[in-house]
Amino acid sequence: MSDEVTLARPRAKTREGTVVSNKMDKTAVVSVARRVRHGKYLKTVVRHKHYMVHDENNECRPGDRVVIAETRPMSRHKRWRLSRIVEQAVQFGGIEAAAPAGDAQ
């Protein structure tokens, strides 16, 4: 009897962040903030990191809150893909404000 062991692929990492730029074709820059405790002063500090994200349909805009997932390398800098848009940024009069993605206006 041969027992075949099927190894499940580990679940992809996900992060939630805000779209900073979408000026490239099929690519967006997402800023992800995380809170860490400072080693010496023990104060909580917010650290930011920018991720290049693959956006196949060019559907995200600056100011949108999105969830990104880790994927295979798409290019030199892209290792993340757009998973879903949590909240879309509403633009009116040149000023951006965030509104939930499910609201129809």
PDB file of N, CA and C in Angstrom:
ATOM      1  N   MET A   1       0.833  -1.179   0.000  1.00  0.00           N
ATOM      2  CA  MET A   1       0.000   0.000   0.000  1.00  0.00           C
ATOM      3  C   MET A   1       0.878   1.243   0.000  1.00  0.00           C
ATOM      4  N   SER A   2       0.609   2.125  -0.910  1.00  0.00           N
ATOM      5  CA  SER A   2       1.369   3.362  -0.953  1.00  0.00           C
ATOM      6  C   SER A   2       0.479   4.507  -0.488  1.00  0.00           C
ATOM      7  N   ASP A   3       0.923   5.154   0.531  1.00  0.00           N
ATOM      8  CA  ASP A   3       0.177   6.295   1.056  1.00  0.00           C
ATOM      9  C   ASP A   3       0.742   7.565   0.432  1.00  0.00           C
ATOM     10  N   GLU A   4      -0.077   8.192  -0.379  1.00  0.00           N
ATOM     11  CA  GLU A   4       0.348   9.443  -1.005  1.00  0.00           C
ATOM     12  C   GLU A   4      -0.011  10.598  -0.091  1.00  0.00           C
ATOM     13  N   VAL A   5       0.963  11.408   0.170  1.00  0.00           N
ATOM     14  CA  VAL A   5       0.754  12.572   1.016  1.00  0.00           C
ATOM     15  C   VAL A   5       0.617  13.777   0.107  1.00  0.00           C
ATOM     16  N   THR A   6      -0.513  14.449   0.215  1.00  0.00           N
ATOM     17  CA  THR A   6      -0.704  15.663  -0.581  1.00  0.00           C
ATOM     18  C   THR A   6      -0.375  16.863   0.292  1.00  0.00           C
ATOM     19  N   LEU A   7       0.567  17.630  -0.170  1.00  0.00           N
ATOM     20  CA  LEU A   7       0.970  18.812   0.575  1.00  0.00           C
ATOM     21  C   LEU A   7       0.151  19.998   0.112  1.00  0.00           C
ATOM     22  N   ALA A   8      -0.545  20.613   1.038  1.00  0.00           N
ATOM     23  CA  ALA A   8      -1.360  21.781   0.709  1.00  0.00           C
ATOM     24  C   ALA A   8      -0.463  23.012   0.636  1.00  0.00           C
ATOM     25  N   ARG A   9      -0.738  23.835  -0.331  1.00  0.00           N
ATOM     26  CA  ARG A   9       0.016  25.082  -0.479  1.00  0.00           C
ATOM     27  C   ARG A   9      -0.351  26.012   0.674  1.00  0.00           C
ATOM     28  N   PRO A  10       0.624  26.653   1.308  1.00  0.00           N
ATOM     29  CA  PRO A  10       0.291  27.550   2.421  1.00  0.00           C
ATOM     30  C   PRO A  10      -0.542  28.734   1.937  1.00  0.00           C
ATOM     31  N   ARG A  11      -1.390  29.207   2.798  1.00  0.00           N
ATOM     32  CA  ARG A  11      -2.281  30.315   2.477  1.00  0.00           C
ATOM     33  C   ARG A  11      -1.464  31.576   2.221  1.00  0.00           C
ATOM     34  N   ALA A  12      -1.864  32.346   1.206  1.00  0.00           N
ATOM     35  CA  ALA A  12      -1.128  33.556   0.837  1.00  0.00           C
ATOM     36  C   ALA A  12      -1.289  34.626   1.915  1.00  0.00           C
ATOM     37  N   LYS A  13      -0.234  35.379   2.148  1.00  0.00           N
ATOM     38  CA  LYS A  13      -0.302  36.491   3.100  1.00  0.00           C
ATOM     39  C   LYS A  13      -1.194  37.571   2.527  1.00  0.00           C
ATOM     40  N   THR A  14      -1.921  38.260   3.371  1.00  0.00           N
ATOM     41  CA  THR A  14      -2.752  39.382   2.925  1.00  0.00           C
ATOM     42  C   THR A  14      -2.438  40.605   3.772  1.00  0.00           C
ATOM     43  N   ARG A  15      -2.595  41.761   3.180  1.00  0.00           N
ATOM     44  CA  ARG A  15      -2.391  43.035   3.862  1.00  0.00           C
ATOM     45  C   ARG A  15      -3.506  43.990   3.431  1.00  0.00           C
ATOM     46  N   GLU A  16      -3.848  44.938   4.285  1.00  0.00           N
ATOM     47  CA  GLU A  16      -4.834  45.962   3.933  1.00  0.00           C
ATOM     48  C   GLU A  16      -4.130  47.310   3.942  1.00  0.00           C
ATOM     49  N   GLY A  17      -4.384  48.101   2.889  1.00  0.00           N
ATOM     50  CA  GLY A  17      -3.716  49.388   2.789  1.00  0.00           C
ATOM     51  C   GLY A  17      -4.482  50.359   1.917  1.00  0.00           C
ATOM     52  N   THR A  18      -3.862  51.480   1.641  1.00  0.00           N
ATOM     53  CA  THR A  18      -4.465  52.560   0.861  1.00  0.00           C
ATOM     54  C   THR A  18      -3.681  52.743  -0.433  1.00  0.00           C
ATOM     55  N   VAL A  19      -4.410  52.902  -1.541  1.00  0.00           N
ATOM     56  CA  VAL A  19      -3.769  53.118  -2.842  1.00  0.00           C
ATOM     57  C   VAL A  19      -3.170  54.522  -2.862  1.00  0.00           C
ATOM     58  N   VAL A  20      -1.896  54.605  -3.195  1.00  0.00           N
ATOM     59  CA  VAL A  20      -1.184  55.880  -3.256  1.00  0.00           C
ATOM     60  C   VAL A  20      -1.115  56.380  -4.694  1.00  0.00           C
ATOM     61  N   SER A  21      -0.878  55.448  -5.639  1.00  0.00           N
ATOM     62  CA  SER A  21      -0.710  55.829  -7.037  1.00  0.00           C
ATOM     63  C   SER A  21      -1.215  54.712  -7.935  1.00  0.00           C
ATOM     64  N   ASN A  22      -1.806  55.106  -9.072  1.00  0.00           N
ATOM     65  CA  ASN A  22      -2.213  54.122 -10.083  1.00  0.00           C
ATOM     66  C   ASN A  22      -1.842  54.610 -11.476  1.00  0.00           C
ATOM     67  N   LYS A  23      -0.756  55.337 -11.593  1.00  0.00           N
ATOM     68  CA  LYS A  23      -0.367  55.945 -12.863  1.00  0.00           C
ATOM     69  C   LYS A  23       0.260  54.960 -13.844  1.00  0.00           C
ATOM     70  N   MET A  24       0.609  53.763 -13.377  1.00  0.00           N
ATOM     71  CA  MET A  24       1.190  52.756 -14.257  1.00  0.00           C
ATOM     72  C   MET A  24       0.089  51.846 -14.789  1.00  0.00           C
ATOM     73  N   ASP A  25       0.336  51.217 -15.910  1.00  0.00           N
ATOM     74  CA  ASP A  25      -0.646  50.310 -16.496  1.00  0.00           C
ATOM     75  C   ASP A  25      -0.637  48.988 -15.737  1.00  0.00           C
ATOM     76  N   LYS A  26      -1.791  48.576 -15.236  1.00  0.00           N
ATOM     77  CA  LYS A  26      -1.992  47.324 -14.500  1.00  0.00           C
ATOM     78  C   LYS A  26      -1.162  47.232 -13.228  1.00  0.00           C
ATOM     79  N   THR A  27      -0.741  48.364 -12.698  1.00  0.00           N
ATOM     80  CA  THR A  27       0.051  48.393 -11.467  1.00  0.00           C
ATOM     81  C   THR A  27      -0.402  49.540 -10.594  1.00  0.00           C
ATOM     82  N   ALA A  28      -0.475  49.304  -9.293  1.00  0.00           N
ATOM     83  CA  ALA A  28      -0.804  50.343  -8.331  1.00  0.00           C
ATOM     84  C   ALA A  28       0.202  50.272  -7.193  1.00  0.00           C
ATOM     85  N   VAL A  29       0.389  51.387  -6.507  1.00  0.00           N
ATOM     86  CA  VAL A  29       1.253  51.423  -5.335  1.00  0.00           C
ATOM     87  C   VAL A  29       0.344  51.537  -4.119  1.00  0.00           C
ATOM     88  N   VAL A  30       0.489  50.598  -3.190  1.00  0.00           N
ATOM     89  CA  VAL A  30      -0.349  50.551  -1.997  1.00  0.00           C
ATOM     90  C   VAL A  30       0.524  50.764  -0.774  1.00  0.00           C
ATOM     91  N   SER A  31       0.090  51.675   0.104  1.00  0.00           N
ATOM     92  CA  SER A  31       0.797  51.946   1.350  1.00  0.00           C
ATOM     93  C   SER A  31       0.121  51.166   2.471  1.00  0.00           C
ATOM     94  N   VAL A  32       0.909  50.343   3.167  1.00  0.00           N
ATOM     95  CA  VAL A  32       0.388  49.538   4.265  1.00  0.00           C
ATOM     96  C   VAL A  32       1.020  50.031   5.559  1.00  0.00           C
ATOM     97  N   ALA A  33       0.189  50.348   6.535  1.00  0.00           N
ATOM     98  CA  ALA A  33       0.670  50.831   7.827  1.00  0.00           C
ATOM     99  C   ALA A  33       0.584  49.701   8.851  1.00  0.00           C
ATOM    100  N   ARG A  34       1.583  49.638   9.710  1.00  0.00           N
ATOM    101  CA  ARG A  34       1.541  48.663  10.805  1.00  0.00           C
ATOM    102  C   ARG A  34       2.030  49.346  12.073  1.00  0.00           C
ATOM    103  N   ARG A  35       1.509  48.885  13.197  1.00  0.00           N
ATOM    104  CA  ARG A  35       1.873  49.483  14.481  1.00  0.00           C
ATOM    105  C   ARG A  35       2.889  48.588  15.176  1.00  0.00           C
ATOM    106  N   VAL A  36       3.987  49.182  15.602  1.00  0.00           N
ATOM    107  CA  VAL A  36       5.014  48.451  16.332  1.00  0.00           C
ATOM    108  C   VAL A  36       5.386  49.243  17.584  1.00  0.00           C
ATOM    109  N   ARG A  37       5.862  48.533  18.567  1.00  0.00           N
ATOM    110  CA  ARG A  37       6.299  49.187  19.792  1.00  0.00           C
ATOM    111  C   ARG A  37       7.781  49.531  19.665  1.00  0.00           C
ATOM    112  N   HIS A  38       8.133  50.771  19.960  1.00  0.00           N
ATOM    113  CA  HIS A  38       9.521  51.218  19.890  1.00  0.00           C
ATOM    114  C   HIS A  38      10.343  50.452  20.920  1.00  0.00           C
ATOM    115  N   GLY A  39      11.532  50.012  20.516  1.00  0.00           N
ATOM    116  CA  GLY A  39      12.352  49.186  21.382  1.00  0.00           C
ATOM    117  C   GLY A  39      12.830  49.885  22.643  1.00  0.00           C
ATOM    118  N   LYS A  40      13.204  51.135  22.530  1.00  0.00           N
ATOM    119  CA  LYS A  40      13.767  51.838  23.683  1.00  0.00           C
ATOM    120  C   LYS A  40      12.719  52.614  24.471  1.00  0.00           C
ATOM    121  N   TYR A  41      11.851  53.338  23.751  1.00  0.00           N
ATOM    122  CA  TYR A  41      10.912  54.230  24.425  1.00  0.00           C
ATOM    123  C   TYR A  41       9.552  53.597  24.690  1.00  0.00           C
ATOM    124  N   LEU A  42       9.316  52.391  24.157  1.00  0.00           N
ATOM    125  CA  LEU A  42       8.089  51.624  24.385  1.00  0.00           C
ATOM    126  C   LEU A  42       6.818  52.342  23.940  1.00  0.00           C
ATOM    127  N   LYS A  43       6.963  53.310  23.054  1.00  0.00           N
ATOM    128  CA  LYS A  43       5.794  54.003  22.502  1.00  0.00           C
ATOM    129  C   LYS A  43       5.373  53.280  21.224  1.00  0.00           C
ATOM    130  N   THR A  44       4.071  53.229  20.960  1.00  0.00           N
ATOM    131  CA  THR A  44       3.578  52.617  19.733  1.00  0.00           C
ATOM    132  C   THR A  44       3.820  53.569  18.571  1.00  0.00           C
ATOM    133  N   VAL A  45       4.483  53.069  17.530  1.00  0.00           N
ATOM    134  CA  VAL A  45       4.847  53.873  16.371  1.00  0.00           C
ATOM    135  C   VAL A  45       4.233  53.248  15.130  1.00  0.00           C
ATOM    136  N   VAL A  46       3.788  54.073  14.185  1.00  0.00           N
ATOM    137  CA  VAL A  46       3.207  53.577  12.941  1.00  0.00           C
ATOM    138  C   VAL A  46       4.305  53.546  11.876  1.00  0.00           C
ATOM    139  N   ARG A  47       4.520  52.371  11.299  1.00  0.00           N
ATOM    140  CA  ARG A  47       5.496  52.206  10.221  1.00  0.00           C
ATOM    141  C   ARG A  47       4.740  51.969   8.917  1.00  0.00           C
ATOM    142  N   HIS A  48       5.222  52.565   7.818  1.00  0.00           N
ATOM    143  CA  HIS A  48       4.576  52.436   6.514  1.00  0.00           C
ATOM    144  C   HIS A  48       5.499  51.718   5.543  1.00  0.00           C
ATOM    145  N   LYS A  49       4.906  50.926   4.650  1.00  0.00           N
ATOM    146  CA  LYS A  49       5.672  50.286   3.590  1.00  0.00           C
ATOM    147  C   LYS A  49       4.845  50.338   2.311  1.00  0.00           C
ATOM    148  N   HIS A  50       5.511  50.604   1.185  1.00  0.00           N
ATOM    149  CA  HIS A  50       4.833  50.665  -0.109  1.00  0.00           C
ATOM    150  C   HIS A  50       5.016  49.348  -0.847  1.00  0.00           C
ATOM    151  N   TYR A  51       3.919  48.840  -1.409  1.00  0.00           N
ATOM    152  CA  TYR A  51       3.953  47.613  -2.194  1.00  0.00           C
ATOM    153  C   TYR A  51       3.491  47.914  -3.612  1.00  0.00           C
ATOM    154  N   MET A  52       4.189  47.370  -4.605  1.00  0.00           N
ATOM    155  CA  MET A  52       3.740  47.429  -5.991  1.00  0.00           C
ATOM    156  C   MET A  52       2.767  46.275  -6.174  1.00  0.00           C
ATOM    157  N   VAL A  53       1.559  46.579  -6.636  1.00  0.00           N
ATOM    158  CA  VAL A  53       0.478  45.604  -6.678  1.00  0.00           C
ATOM    159  C   VAL A  53      -0.009  45.440  -8.107  1.00  0.00           C
ATOM    160  N   HIS A  54      -0.243  44.180  -8.522  1.00  0.00           N
ATOM    161  CA  HIS A  54      -0.773  43.904  -9.856  1.00  0.00           C
ATOM    162  C   HIS A  54      -2.281  44.142  -9.840  1.00  0.00           C
ATOM    163  N   ASP A  55      -2.746  45.081 -10.677  1.00  0.00           N
ATOM    164  CA  ASP A  55      -4.164  45.437 -10.790  1.00  0.00           C
ATOM    165  C   ASP A  55      -4.574  45.157 -12.237  1.00  0.00           C
ATOM    166  N   GLU A  56      -5.048  43.955 -12.496  1.00  0.00           N
ATOM    167  CA  GLU A  56      -5.314  43.481 -13.861  1.00  0.00           C
ATOM    168  C   GLU A  56      -6.258  44.387 -14.637  1.00  0.00           C
ATOM    169  N   ASN A  57      -7.323  44.884 -13.998  1.00  0.00           N
ATOM    170  CA  ASN A  57      -8.348  45.657 -14.705  1.00  0.00           C
ATOM    171  C   ASN A  57      -8.236  47.160 -14.492  1.00  0.00           C
ATOM    172  N   ASN A  58      -7.162  47.628 -13.874  1.00  0.00           N
ATOM    173  CA  ASN A  58      -6.982  49.059 -13.586  1.00  0.00           C
ATOM    174  C   ASN A  58      -8.208  49.633 -12.889  1.00  0.00           C
ATOM    175  N   GLU A  59      -8.690  48.949 -11.843  1.00  0.00           N
ATOM    176  CA  GLU A  59      -9.933  49.357 -11.204  1.00  0.00           C
ATOM    177  C   GLU A  59      -9.763  50.158  -9.924  1.00  0.00           C
ATOM    178  N   CYS A  60      -8.571  50.201  -9.354  1.00  0.00           N
ATOM    179  CA  CYS A  60      -8.416  50.973  -8.115  1.00  0.00           C
ATOM    180  C   CYS A  60      -7.937  52.385  -8.410  1.00  0.00           C
ATOM    181  N   ARG A  61      -8.344  53.313  -7.531  1.00  0.00           N
ATOM    182  CA  ARG A  61      -7.989  54.719  -7.652  1.00  0.00           C
ATOM    183  C   ARG A  61      -7.271  55.170  -6.393  1.00  0.00           C
ATOM    184  N   PRO A  62      -6.521  56.259  -6.457  1.00  0.00           N
ATOM    185  CA  PRO A  62      -5.847  56.751  -5.247  1.00  0.00           C
ATOM    186  C   PRO A  62      -6.866  57.054  -4.145  1.00  0.00           C
ATOM    187  N   GLY A  63      -6.554  56.618  -2.944  1.00  0.00           N
ATOM    188  CA  GLY A  63      -7.438  56.827  -1.810  1.00  0.00           C
ATOM    189  C   GLY A  63      -8.285  55.617  -1.462  1.00  0.00           C
ATOM    190  N   ASP A  64      -8.382  54.638  -2.375  1.00  0.00           N
ATOM    191  CA  ASP A  64      -9.159  53.425  -2.104  1.00  0.00           C
ATOM    192  C   ASP A  64      -8.464  52.590  -1.031  1.00  0.00           C
ATOM    193  N   ARG A  65      -9.272  51.973  -0.160  1.00  0.00           N
ATOM    194  CA  ARG A  65      -8.740  50.982   0.774  1.00  0.00           C
ATOM    195  C   ARG A  65      -8.881  49.623   0.127  1.00  0.00           C
ATOM    196  N   VAL A  66      -7.786  48.870   0.053  1.00  0.00           N
ATOM    197  CA  VAL A  66      -7.782  47.601  -0.670  1.00  0.00           C
ATOM    198  C   VAL A  66      -7.131  46.510   0.176  1.00  0.00           C
ATOM    199  N   VAL A  67      -7.436  45.266  -0.188  1.00  0.00           N
ATOM    200  CA  VAL A  67      -6.777  44.105   0.387  1.00  0.00           C
ATOM    201  C   VAL A  67      -5.909  43.518  -0.714  1.00  0.00           C
ATOM    202  N   ILE A  68      -4.631  43.276  -0.395  1.00  0.00           N
ATOM    203  CA  ILE A  68      -3.708  42.711  -1.363  1.00  0.00           C
ATOM    204  C   ILE A  68      -3.242  41.340  -0.858  1.00  0.00           C
ATOM    205  N   ALA A  69      -2.901  40.455  -1.796  1.00  0.00           N
ATOM    206  CA  ALA A  69      -2.463  39.108  -1.453  1.00  0.00           C
ATOM    207  C   ALA A  69      -1.124  38.821  -2.111  1.00  0.00           C
ATOM    208  N   GLU A  70      -0.309  38.061  -1.430  1.00  0.00           N
ATOM    209  CA  GLU A  70       1.000  37.689  -1.960  1.00  0.00           C
ATOM    210  C   GLU A  70       0.824  36.701  -3.113  1.00  0.00           C
ATOM    211  N   THR A  71       1.659  36.821  -4.132  1.00  0.00           N
ATOM    212  CA  THR A  71       1.563  35.962  -5.298  1.00  0.00           C
ATOM    213  C   THR A  71       2.960  35.708  -5.859  1.00  0.00           C
ATOM    214  N   ARG A  72       3.012  35.011  -6.979  1.00  0.00           N
ATOM    215  CA  ARG A  72       4.301  34.764  -7.620  1.00  0.00           C
ATOM    216  C   ARG A  72       4.869  36.090  -8.144  1.00  0.00           C
ATOM    217  N   PRO A  73       6.166  36.180  -8.391  1.00  0.00           N
ATOM    218  CA  PRO A  73       6.724  37.413  -8.932  1.00  0.00           C
ATOM    219  C   PRO A  73       6.149  37.733 -10.313  1.00  0.00           C
ATOM    220  N   MET A  74       5.557  38.905 -10.458  1.00  0.00           N
ATOM    221  CA  MET A  74       4.982  39.348 -11.730  1.00  0.00           C
ATOM    222  C   MET A  74       6.010  40.142 -12.540  1.00  0.00           C
ATOM    223  N   SER A  75       6.880  40.852 -11.847  1.00  0.00           N
ATOM    224  CA  SER A  75       7.931  41.626 -12.498  1.00  0.00           C
ATOM    225  C   SER A  75       9.036  41.842 -11.470  1.00  0.00           C
ATOM    226  N   ARG A  76       9.913  42.779 -11.750  1.00  0.00           N
ATOM    227  CA  ARG A  76      11.051  43.012 -10.865  1.00  0.00           C
ATOM    228  C   ARG A  76      10.614  43.432  -9.467  1.00  0.00           C
ATOM    229  N   HIS A  77       9.545  44.229  -9.364  1.00  0.00           N
ATOM    230  CA  HIS A  77       9.118  44.752  -8.065  1.00  0.00           C
ATOM    231  C   HIS A  77       7.760  44.227  -7.601  1.00  0.00           C
ATOM    232  N   LYS A  78       6.973  43.646  -8.485  1.00  0.00           N
ATOM    233  CA  LYS A  78       5.614  43.228  -8.128  1.00  0.00           C
ATOM    234  C   LYS A  78       5.585  41.789  -7.641  1.00  0.00           C
ATOM    235  N   ARG A  79       5.177  41.613  -6.381  1.00  0.00           N
ATOM    236  CA  ARG A  79       4.984  40.289  -5.802  1.00  0.00           C
ATOM    237  C   ARG A  79       3.636  40.193  -5.110  1.00  0.00           C
ATOM    238  N   TRP A  80       2.780  41.173  -5.307  1.00  0.00           N
ATOM    239  CA  TRP A  80       1.468  41.232  -4.670  1.00  0.00           C
ATOM    240  C   TRP A  80       0.420  41.505  -5.739  1.00  0.00           C
ATOM    241  N   ARG A  81      -0.806  41.029  -5.508  1.00  0.00           N
ATOM    242  CA  ARG A  81      -1.907  41.283  -6.440  1.00  0.00           C
ATOM    243  C   ARG A  81      -3.083  41.865  -5.673  1.00  0.00           C
ATOM    244  N   LEU A  82      -3.908  42.595  -6.386  1.00  0.00           N
ATOM    245  CA  LEU A  82      -5.101  43.184  -5.789  1.00  0.00           C
ATOM    246  C   LEU A  82      -6.116  42.079  -5.530  1.00  0.00           C
ATOM    247  N   SER A  83      -6.530  41.915  -4.286  1.00  0.00           N
ATOM    248  CA  SER A  83      -7.498  40.889  -3.934  1.00  0.00           C
ATOM    249  C   SER A  83      -8.914  41.443  -4.019  1.00  0.00           C
ATOM    250  N   ARG A  84      -9.162  42.570  -3.336  1.00  0.00           N
ATOM    251  CA  ARG A  84     -10.484  43.200  -3.412  1.00  0.00           C
ATOM    252  C   ARG A  84     -10.386  44.642  -2.935  1.00  0.00           C
ATOM    253  N   ILE A  85     -11.379  45.432  -3.329  1.00  0.00           N
ATOM    254  CA  ILE A  85     -11.472  46.821  -2.886  1.00  0.00           C
ATOM    255  C   ILE A  85     -12.442  46.859  -1.719  1.00  0.00           C
ATOM    256  N   VAL A  86     -11.967  47.305  -0.573  1.00  0.00           N
ATOM    257  CA  VAL A  86     -12.791  47.356   0.630  1.00  0.00           C
ATOM    258  C   VAL A  86     -13.655  48.609   0.631  1.00  0.00           C
ATOM    259  N   GLU A  87     -13.034  49.735   0.294  1.00  0.00           N
ATOM    260  CA  GLU A  87     -13.714  51.026   0.355  1.00  0.00           C
ATOM    261  C   GLU A  87     -13.196  51.897  -0.775  1.00  0.00           C
ATOM    262  N   GLN A  88     -14.099  52.461  -1.566  1.00  0.00           N
ATOM    263  CA  GLN A  88     -13.680  53.304  -2.680  1.00  0.00           C
ATOM    264  C   GLN A  88     -13.620  54.761  -2.249  1.00  0.00           C
ATOM    265  N   ALA A  89     -12.650  55.480  -2.801  1.00  0.00           N
ATOM    266  CA  ALA A  89     -12.518  56.906  -2.525  1.00  0.00           C
ATOM    267  C   ALA A  89     -13.487  57.666  -3.421  1.00  0.00           C
ATOM    268  N   VAL A  90     -14.241  58.565  -2.827  1.00  0.00           N
ATOM    269  CA  VAL A  90     -15.180  59.382  -3.583  1.00  0.00           C
ATOM    270  C   VAL A  90     -14.517  60.725  -3.839  1.00  0.00           C
ATOM    271  N   GLN A  91     -14.508  61.132  -5.111  1.00  0.00           N
ATOM    272  CA  GLN A  91     -13.889  62.410  -5.462  1.00  0.00           C
ATOM    273  C   GLN A  91     -14.973  63.405  -5.825  1.00  0.00           C
ATOM    274  N   PHE A  92     -14.921  64.570  -5.207  1.00  0.00           N
ATOM    275  CA  PHE A  92     -15.844  65.644  -5.553  1.00  0.00           C
ATOM    276  C   PHE A  92     -15.133  66.971  -5.356  1.00  0.00           C
ATOM    277  N   GLY A  93     -15.155  67.792  -6.374  1.00  0.00           N
ATOM    278  CA  GLY A  93     -14.522  69.108  -6.310  1.00  0.00           C
ATOM    279  C   GLY A  93     -13.022  69.063  -6.082  1.00  0.00           C
ATOM    280  N   GLY A  94     -12.357  67.999  -6.522  1.00  0.00           N
ATOM    281  CA  GLY A  94     -10.918  67.903  -6.355  1.00  0.00           C
ATOM    282  C   GLY A  94     -10.494  67.420  -4.978  1.00  0.00           C
ATOM    283  N   ILE A  95     -11.462  67.135  -4.093  1.00  0.00           N
ATOM    284  CA  ILE A  95     -11.158  66.664  -2.749  1.00  0.00           C
ATOM    285  C   ILE A  95     -11.590  65.208  -2.651  1.00  0.00           C
ATOM    286  N   GLU A  96     -10.745  64.377  -2.057  1.00  0.00           N
ATOM    287  CA  GLU A  96     -11.066  62.952  -1.943  1.00  0.00           C
ATOM    288  C   GLU A  96     -11.624  62.673  -0.548  1.00  0.00           C
ATOM    289  N   ALA A  97     -12.657  61.837  -0.499  1.00  0.00           N
ATOM    290  CA  ALA A  97     -13.202  61.353   0.752  1.00  0.00           C
ATOM    291  C   ALA A  97     -13.537  59.889   0.571  1.00  0.00           C
ATOM    292  N   ALA A  98     -13.456  59.120   1.639  1.00  0.00           N
ATOM    293  CA  ALA A  98     -13.693  57.684   1.527  1.00  0.00           C
ATOM    294  C   ALA A  98     -15.157  57.355   1.780  1.00  0.00           C
ATOM    295  N   ALA A  99     -15.711  56.441   0.972  1.00  0.00           N
ATOM    296  CA  ALA A  99     -17.072  55.947   1.140  1.00  0.00           C
ATOM    297  C   ALA A  99     -17.039  54.436   1.005  1.00  0.00           C
ATOM    298  N   PRO A 100     -17.916  53.737   1.716  1.00  0.00           N
ATOM    299  CA  PRO A 100     -17.939  52.271   1.605  1.00  0.00           C
ATOM    300  C   PRO A 100     -18.181  51.817   0.162  1.00  0.00           C
ATOM    301  N   ALA A 101     -17.579  50.712  -0.225  1.00  0.00           N
ATOM    302  CA  ALA A 101     -17.657  50.236  -1.602  1.00  0.00           C
ATOM    303  C   ALA A 101     -19.065  49.784  -1.983  1.00  0.00           C
ATOM    304  N   GLY A 102     -19.889  49.371  -1.022  1.00  0.00           N
ATOM    305  CA  GLY A 102     -21.224  48.879  -1.320  1.00  0.00           C
ATOM    306  C   GLY A 102     -22.255  49.976  -1.546  1.00  0.00           C
ATOM    307  N   ASP A 103     -21.956  51.210  -1.218  1.00  0.00           N
ATOM    308  CA  ASP A 103     -22.929  52.296  -1.368  1.00  0.00           C
ATOM    309  C   ASP A 103     -23.115  52.683  -2.825  1.00  0.00           C
ATOM    310  N   ALA A 104     -24.352  52.772  -3.265  1.00  0.00           N
ATOM    311  CA  ALA A 104     -24.649  53.235  -4.624  1.00  0.00           C
ATOM    312  C   ALA A 104     -25.118  54.676  -4.533  1.00  0.00           C
ATOM    313  N   GLN A 105     -24.426  55.556  -5.203  1.00  0.00           N
ATOM    314  CA  GLN A 105     -24.793  56.971  -5.133  1.00  0.00           C
ATOM    315  C   GLN A 105     -25.055  57.520  -6.502  1.00  0.00           C
TER     316      GLN A 105
END
